[in-house]
N, C-alpha and C. Protein backbone atom coordinates (compact mmCIF):
# COMPACT_ATOMS: atom_id res chain seq x y z
N MET A 1 0.85 -1.18 -0.03
CA MET A 1 -0.02 0.01 0.05
C MET A 1 0.84 1.25 0.00
N ALA A 2 2.06 1.21 0.52
CA ALA A 2 2.94 2.35 0.64
C ALA A 2 3.50 2.74 -0.75
N ASN A 3 3.51 1.86 -1.74
CA ASN A 3 4.05 2.12 -3.06
C ASN A 3 3.12 2.79 -4.01
N LEU A 4 1.88 3.01 -3.59
CA LEU A 4 0.87 3.59 -4.46
C LEU A 4 0.98 5.11 -4.46
N GLN A 5 0.69 5.70 -5.65
CA GLN A 5 0.70 7.12 -5.77
C GLN A 5 -0.73 7.62 -5.98
N ILE A 6 -0.99 8.77 -5.51
CA ILE A 6 -2.30 9.46 -5.70
C ILE A 6 -2.16 10.40 -6.85
N VAL A 7 -2.98 10.17 -7.92
CA VAL A 7 -2.98 10.98 -9.10
C VAL A 7 -4.29 11.68 -9.20
N LEU A 8 -4.30 13.01 -9.41
CA LEU A 8 -5.53 13.73 -9.53
C LEU A 8 -6.28 13.29 -10.79
N SER A 9 -7.58 13.23 -10.78
CA SER A 9 -8.40 12.73 -11.85
C SER A 9 -8.43 13.67 -13.03
N THR A 10 -8.19 14.99 -12.78
CA THR A 10 -8.17 15.94 -13.89
C THR A 10 -6.85 15.92 -14.69
N LYS A 11 -5.87 15.35 -14.11
CA LYS A 11 -4.57 15.33 -14.80
C LYS A 11 -4.39 13.96 -15.57
N THR A 12 -4.19 14.07 -16.84
CA THR A 12 -4.00 12.83 -17.64
C THR A 12 -2.57 12.37 -17.48
N VAL A 13 -2.42 11.09 -17.23
CA VAL A 13 -1.09 10.50 -17.07
C VAL A 13 -0.84 9.62 -18.29
N GLU A 14 0.18 9.94 -19.04
CA GLU A 14 0.55 9.12 -20.18
C GLU A 14 2.03 8.80 -20.14
N ALA A 15 2.31 7.69 -20.76
CA ALA A 15 3.72 7.29 -20.87
C ALA A 15 4.39 8.21 -21.86
N GLN A 16 5.67 8.53 -21.62
CA GLN A 16 6.40 9.42 -22.45
C GLN A 16 7.84 8.86 -22.70
N TYR A 17 8.47 9.30 -23.77
CA TYR A 17 9.80 8.95 -24.07
C TYR A 17 10.74 10.10 -23.57
N VAL A 18 11.80 9.66 -22.88
CA VAL A 18 12.80 10.63 -22.44
C VAL A 18 14.11 10.20 -23.11
N GLU A 19 14.63 11.07 -23.95
CA GLU A 19 15.84 10.82 -24.66
C GLU A 19 17.00 11.70 -24.06
N MET A 20 18.11 10.97 -23.81
CA MET A 20 19.25 11.65 -23.15
C MET A 20 20.52 11.33 -23.90
N ARG A 21 21.46 12.29 -23.93
CA ARG A 21 22.83 12.06 -24.40
C ARG A 21 23.65 11.76 -23.18
N VAL A 22 24.24 10.57 -23.15
CA VAL A 22 24.99 10.12 -21.94
C VAL A 22 26.36 9.62 -22.41
N PRO A 23 27.45 10.09 -21.87
CA PRO A 23 28.75 9.58 -22.19
C PRO A 23 28.92 8.16 -21.72
N LEU A 24 29.08 7.25 -22.68
CA LEU A 24 29.30 5.83 -22.35
C LEU A 24 30.71 5.44 -22.81
N TYR A 25 31.48 4.86 -21.87
CA TYR A 25 32.87 4.54 -22.20
C TYR A 25 33.06 3.06 -22.52
N SER A 26 32.20 2.20 -22.04
CA SER A 26 32.29 0.79 -22.29
C SER A 26 30.91 0.15 -22.24
N TYR A 27 30.90 -1.14 -22.54
CA TYR A 27 29.60 -1.82 -22.41
C TYR A 27 29.22 -2.05 -20.98
N GLY A 28 30.16 -1.97 -20.07
CA GLY A 28 29.86 -2.08 -18.66
C GLY A 28 29.06 -0.81 -18.21
N CYS A 29 29.37 0.33 -18.84
CA CYS A 29 28.61 1.55 -18.52
C CYS A 29 27.17 1.40 -18.97
N GLU A 30 27.00 0.70 -20.07
CA GLU A 30 25.66 0.46 -20.58
C GLU A 30 24.82 -0.32 -19.56
N LYS A 31 25.43 -1.37 -19.01
CA LYS A 31 24.73 -2.14 -18.00
C LYS A 31 24.44 -1.34 -16.74
N LYS A 32 25.38 -0.52 -16.38
CA LYS A 32 25.25 0.37 -15.18
C LYS A 32 24.09 1.33 -15.36
N VAL A 33 23.97 1.89 -16.53
CA VAL A 33 22.90 2.80 -16.84
C VAL A 33 21.58 2.13 -16.81
N LYS A 34 21.45 0.97 -17.43
CA LYS A 34 20.19 0.23 -17.45
C LYS A 34 19.77 -0.13 -16.02
N ARG A 35 20.68 -0.57 -15.22
CA ARG A 35 20.38 -0.97 -13.87
C ARG A 35 19.92 0.21 -13.02
N ALA A 36 20.53 1.32 -13.17
CA ALA A 36 20.18 2.52 -12.44
C ALA A 36 18.81 3.04 -12.81
N LEU A 37 18.47 3.06 -14.06
CA LEU A 37 17.19 3.59 -14.47
C LEU A 37 16.05 2.57 -14.32
N SER A 38 16.31 1.33 -14.36
CA SER A 38 15.22 0.32 -14.29
C SER A 38 14.62 0.29 -12.90
N HIS A 39 15.37 0.80 -11.90
CA HIS A 39 14.83 0.79 -10.50
C HIS A 39 13.85 1.96 -10.28
N LEU A 40 13.72 2.91 -11.13
CA LEU A 40 12.85 4.00 -11.01
C LEU A 40 11.38 3.52 -11.14
N ARG A 41 10.49 4.10 -10.36
CA ARG A 41 9.09 3.70 -10.45
C ARG A 41 8.47 4.31 -11.71
N GLY A 42 7.72 3.48 -12.43
CA GLY A 42 7.02 3.94 -13.64
C GLY A 42 7.77 3.74 -14.93
N ILE A 43 9.01 3.23 -14.83
CA ILE A 43 9.79 3.03 -16.08
C ILE A 43 9.42 1.67 -16.66
N TYR A 44 9.02 1.66 -17.98
CA TYR A 44 8.66 0.43 -18.64
C TYR A 44 9.86 -0.18 -19.36
N SER A 45 10.66 0.64 -20.04
CA SER A 45 11.80 0.11 -20.80
C SER A 45 12.93 1.17 -20.84
N VAL A 46 14.12 0.62 -20.91
CA VAL A 46 15.32 1.45 -21.06
C VAL A 46 16.09 0.91 -22.28
N ASN A 47 16.32 1.75 -23.25
CA ASN A 47 17.05 1.38 -24.44
C ASN A 47 18.36 2.23 -24.54
N VAL A 48 19.50 1.52 -24.55
CA VAL A 48 20.80 2.19 -24.58
C VAL A 48 21.48 1.98 -25.94
N ASP A 49 21.76 3.01 -26.66
CA ASP A 49 22.48 2.92 -27.96
C ASP A 49 23.88 3.37 -27.71
N PHE A 50 24.81 2.42 -27.69
CA PHE A 50 26.22 2.73 -27.39
C PHE A 50 26.87 3.54 -28.46
N ASN A 51 26.55 3.25 -29.74
CA ASN A 51 27.19 3.97 -30.84
C ASN A 51 26.81 5.44 -30.90
N GLN A 52 25.51 5.79 -30.66
CA GLN A 52 25.07 7.18 -30.64
C GLN A 52 25.24 7.87 -29.27
N GLN A 53 25.60 7.09 -28.24
CA GLN A 53 25.73 7.62 -26.90
C GLN A 53 24.38 8.14 -26.42
N LYS A 54 23.33 7.38 -26.66
CA LYS A 54 21.96 7.85 -26.47
C LYS A 54 21.21 6.82 -25.57
N VAL A 55 20.45 7.35 -24.63
CA VAL A 55 19.61 6.49 -23.76
C VAL A 55 18.23 6.92 -23.90
N THR A 56 17.30 6.00 -24.23
CA THR A 56 15.87 6.31 -24.37
C THR A 56 15.13 5.53 -23.30
N VAL A 57 14.35 6.30 -22.51
CA VAL A 57 13.53 5.74 -21.41
C VAL A 57 12.13 5.92 -21.76
N TRP A 58 11.29 4.89 -21.62
CA TRP A 58 9.89 4.94 -21.84
C TRP A 58 9.13 4.56 -20.59
N GLY A 59 8.21 5.45 -20.17
CA GLY A 59 7.43 5.12 -18.97
C GLY A 59 6.66 6.34 -18.45
N ILE A 60 5.95 6.15 -17.42
CA ILE A 60 5.23 7.25 -16.75
C ILE A 60 6.17 7.80 -15.69
N CYS A 61 6.84 8.88 -16.01
CA CYS A 61 7.88 9.41 -15.13
C CYS A 61 8.07 10.91 -15.39
N ASN A 62 8.75 11.56 -14.45
CA ASN A 62 9.13 12.95 -14.61
C ASN A 62 10.50 12.95 -15.28
N LYS A 63 10.65 13.67 -16.41
CA LYS A 63 11.90 13.52 -17.15
C LYS A 63 13.06 14.21 -16.37
N HIS A 64 12.76 15.15 -15.53
CA HIS A 64 13.83 15.80 -14.78
C HIS A 64 14.33 14.80 -13.65
N ASP A 65 13.43 14.01 -13.12
CA ASP A 65 13.91 13.01 -12.15
C ASP A 65 14.75 11.92 -12.83
N VAL A 66 14.40 11.58 -14.04
CA VAL A 66 15.22 10.59 -14.78
C VAL A 66 16.62 11.18 -15.08
N LEU A 67 16.67 12.46 -15.47
CA LEU A 67 17.99 13.05 -15.74
C LEU A 67 18.81 13.18 -14.49
N THR A 68 18.16 13.56 -13.37
CA THR A 68 18.87 13.63 -12.06
C THR A 68 19.48 12.28 -11.70
N THR A 69 18.66 11.22 -11.84
CA THR A 69 19.22 9.89 -11.54
C THR A 69 20.35 9.56 -12.48
N MET A 70 20.26 9.91 -13.74
CA MET A 70 21.34 9.63 -14.72
C MET A 70 22.55 10.38 -14.39
N ARG A 71 22.43 11.61 -13.96
CA ARG A 71 23.62 12.43 -13.61
C ARG A 71 24.36 11.95 -12.42
N LYS A 72 23.66 11.13 -11.55
CA LYS A 72 24.38 10.54 -10.41
C LYS A 72 25.35 9.52 -10.93
N LYS A 73 25.11 8.87 -12.02
CA LYS A 73 25.99 7.81 -12.58
C LYS A 73 26.91 8.47 -13.64
N ARG A 74 26.48 9.34 -14.43
CA ARG A 74 27.23 9.94 -15.54
C ARG A 74 27.01 11.42 -15.46
N LYS A 75 28.05 12.14 -15.05
CA LYS A 75 27.96 13.62 -14.88
C LYS A 75 27.62 14.41 -16.14
N GLY A 76 28.01 13.91 -17.30
CA GLY A 76 27.80 14.60 -18.54
C GLY A 76 26.49 14.38 -19.18
N ALA A 77 25.53 13.75 -18.49
CA ALA A 77 24.26 13.46 -19.12
C ALA A 77 23.43 14.72 -19.32
N CYS A 78 22.73 14.78 -20.48
CA CYS A 78 21.90 15.87 -20.77
C CYS A 78 20.75 15.37 -21.68
N PHE A 79 19.79 16.14 -21.89
CA PHE A 79 18.66 15.80 -22.72
C PHE A 79 19.13 15.84 -24.15
N TRP A 80 18.54 14.95 -25.03
CA TRP A 80 18.91 14.89 -26.44
C TRP A 80 18.48 16.14 -27.10
N ASN A 81 17.34 16.67 -26.75
CA ASN A 81 16.82 17.92 -27.37
C ASN A 81 17.41 19.14 -26.68
N PRO A 82 18.13 20.01 -27.45
CA PRO A 82 18.82 21.11 -26.83
C PRO A 82 17.92 22.10 -26.13
N GLU A 83 16.65 22.24 -26.51
CA GLU A 83 15.76 23.18 -25.85
C GLU A 83 15.47 22.74 -24.43
N ASP A 84 15.40 21.41 -24.19
CA ASP A 84 15.12 20.93 -22.84
C ASP A 84 16.31 21.20 -21.92
N ASN A 85 17.52 21.18 -22.43
CA ASN A 85 18.71 21.45 -21.67
C ASN A 85 18.74 22.84 -21.11
N ASN A 86 18.24 23.81 -21.87
CA ASN A 86 18.25 25.20 -21.43
C ASN A 86 17.43 25.37 -20.16
N VAL A 87 16.28 24.75 -20.12
CA VAL A 87 15.41 24.80 -18.95
C VAL A 87 16.08 24.19 -17.76
N VAL A 88 16.77 23.04 -17.92
CA VAL A 88 17.43 22.36 -16.81
C VAL A 88 18.63 23.16 -16.31
N ASP A 89 19.37 23.77 -17.23
CA ASP A 89 20.55 24.59 -16.84
C ASP A 89 20.15 25.83 -15.98
N ILE A 90 19.00 26.44 -16.34
CA ILE A 90 18.50 27.60 -15.54
C ILE A 90 18.07 27.10 -14.18
N GLU A 91 17.43 25.97 -14.10
CA GLU A 91 17.01 25.45 -12.76
C GLU A 91 18.24 25.08 -11.91
N MET A 92 19.27 24.56 -12.55
CA MET A 92 20.46 24.15 -11.83
C MET A 92 21.16 25.36 -11.21
N GLU A 93 21.25 26.46 -12.04
CA GLU A 93 21.90 27.70 -11.62
C GLU A 93 21.21 28.30 -10.45
N GLU A 94 19.89 28.29 -10.42
CA GLU A 94 19.14 28.87 -9.35
C GLU A 94 19.25 28.02 -8.05
N SER A 95 19.42 26.75 -8.15
CA SER A 95 19.43 25.84 -7.01
C SER A 95 20.84 25.80 -6.38
N GLN A 96 21.91 26.14 -7.09
CA GLN A 96 23.25 26.07 -6.55
C GLN A 96 23.52 27.22 -5.58
N PRO A 97 24.06 26.89 -4.38
CA PRO A 97 24.43 27.90 -3.45
C PRO A 97 25.69 28.66 -3.95
N PRO A 98 25.88 29.93 -3.52
CA PRO A 98 27.05 30.66 -3.95
C PRO A 98 28.31 30.00 -3.45
N THR A 99 29.32 30.03 -4.24
CA THR A 99 30.63 29.39 -3.87
C THR A 99 31.46 30.34 -3.05
N ALA A 100 32.16 29.80 -2.08
CA ALA A 100 33.00 30.63 -1.21
C ALA A 100 34.48 30.51 -1.78
N THR A 101 35.20 31.57 -1.63
CA THR A 101 36.63 31.56 -2.04
C THR A 101 37.46 31.11 -0.85
N ILE A 102 38.46 30.32 -1.17
CA ILE A 102 39.31 29.77 -0.09
C ILE A 102 40.74 30.35 -0.34
N THR A 103 41.26 30.92 0.68
CA THR A 103 42.65 31.42 0.60
C THR A 103 43.56 30.47 1.26
N THR A 104 44.71 30.28 0.67
CA THR A 104 45.71 29.34 1.28
C THR A 104 46.97 30.12 1.62
N ARG A 105 47.72 29.58 2.54
CA ARG A 105 48.95 30.21 2.93
C ARG A 105 50.03 29.13 2.95
N LEU A 106 51.12 29.49 2.30
CA LEU A 106 52.20 28.56 2.22
C LEU A 106 52.99 28.52 3.54
N LEU A 107 53.13 27.34 4.08
CA LEU A 107 53.88 27.17 5.33
C LEU A 107 55.18 26.47 5.00
N LEU A 108 56.30 27.07 5.45
CA LEU A 108 57.58 26.42 5.30
C LEU A 108 58.09 25.86 6.54
N PHE A 109 58.37 24.61 6.55
CA PHE A 109 58.89 23.95 7.74
C PHE A 109 60.31 23.43 7.42
N ASP A 110 61.21 23.70 8.28
CA ASP A 110 62.63 23.29 8.15
C ASP A 110 63.23 23.76 6.83
N ALA A 111 62.85 24.96 6.38
CA ALA A 111 63.40 25.55 5.18
C ALA A 111 64.78 26.10 5.46
N PRO A 112 65.72 25.98 4.52
CA PRO A 112 66.99 26.57 4.70
C PRO A 112 66.91 28.09 4.70
N CYS A 113 67.90 28.72 5.33
CA CYS A 113 67.88 30.19 5.45
C CYS A 113 67.87 30.86 4.16
N SER A 114 68.46 30.30 3.09
CA SER A 114 68.53 30.96 1.80
C SER A 114 67.13 31.09 1.17
N VAL A 115 66.34 30.07 1.45
CA VAL A 115 64.92 30.17 0.93
C VAL A 115 64.13 31.24 1.65
N LEU A 116 64.35 31.37 2.98
CA LEU A 116 63.65 32.40 3.72
C LEU A 116 64.07 33.77 3.28
N LEU A 117 65.37 33.90 3.02
CA LEU A 117 65.89 35.25 2.58
C LEU A 117 65.29 35.58 1.23
N LEU A 118 65.19 34.57 0.36
CA LEU A 118 64.59 34.85 -0.92
C LEU A 118 63.17 35.32 -0.84
N TRP A 119 62.42 34.71 0.06
CA TRP A 119 61.06 35.09 0.29
C TRP A 119 60.96 36.55 0.76
N LYS A 120 61.90 36.94 1.64
CA LYS A 120 61.91 38.31 2.15
C LYS A 120 62.28 39.27 1.05
N ARG A 121 63.20 38.94 0.16
CA ARG A 121 63.54 39.86 -0.95
C ARG A 121 62.38 40.03 -1.92
N LEU A 122 61.62 39.02 -2.11
CA LEU A 122 60.47 39.15 -3.02
C LEU A 122 59.31 39.88 -2.39
N GLY A 123 59.37 40.18 -1.07
CA GLY A 123 58.36 40.88 -0.42
C GLY A 123 57.21 39.97 0.08
N LEU A 124 57.48 38.68 0.15
CA LEU A 124 56.44 37.75 0.56
C LEU A 124 56.81 37.32 1.96
N SER A 125 55.79 37.13 2.78
CA SER A 125 56.04 36.60 4.14
C SER A 125 55.59 35.18 4.21
N PRO A 126 56.49 34.33 4.64
CA PRO A 126 56.12 32.89 4.74
C PRO A 126 55.15 32.60 5.79
């Protein structure tokens, strides 16, 4: 009973094809992709074309959830249709937190005196 979903009666639910461009390096990657996507709820079939680097998923699913699952396995995964990628890229930019800059300081341990003098001449403090 816990695996059932409630779907509103006004919303029509139809199976759809989700086509993605996925970097595949070997036939082992193909098996890994099929195994990862076949566990999603509502997926009927997964077709992987190694020569075209294309994965086609057919089922009742959210295409963004499928892409997110695929990106966990292959970082370079994107939709086959370029217009769909623009929508995903905008959503990804909005959801990413701002990056912090990290400053590092060079620490010299047991450095000879000549190295320390060189640092002083350059105006750098170790």
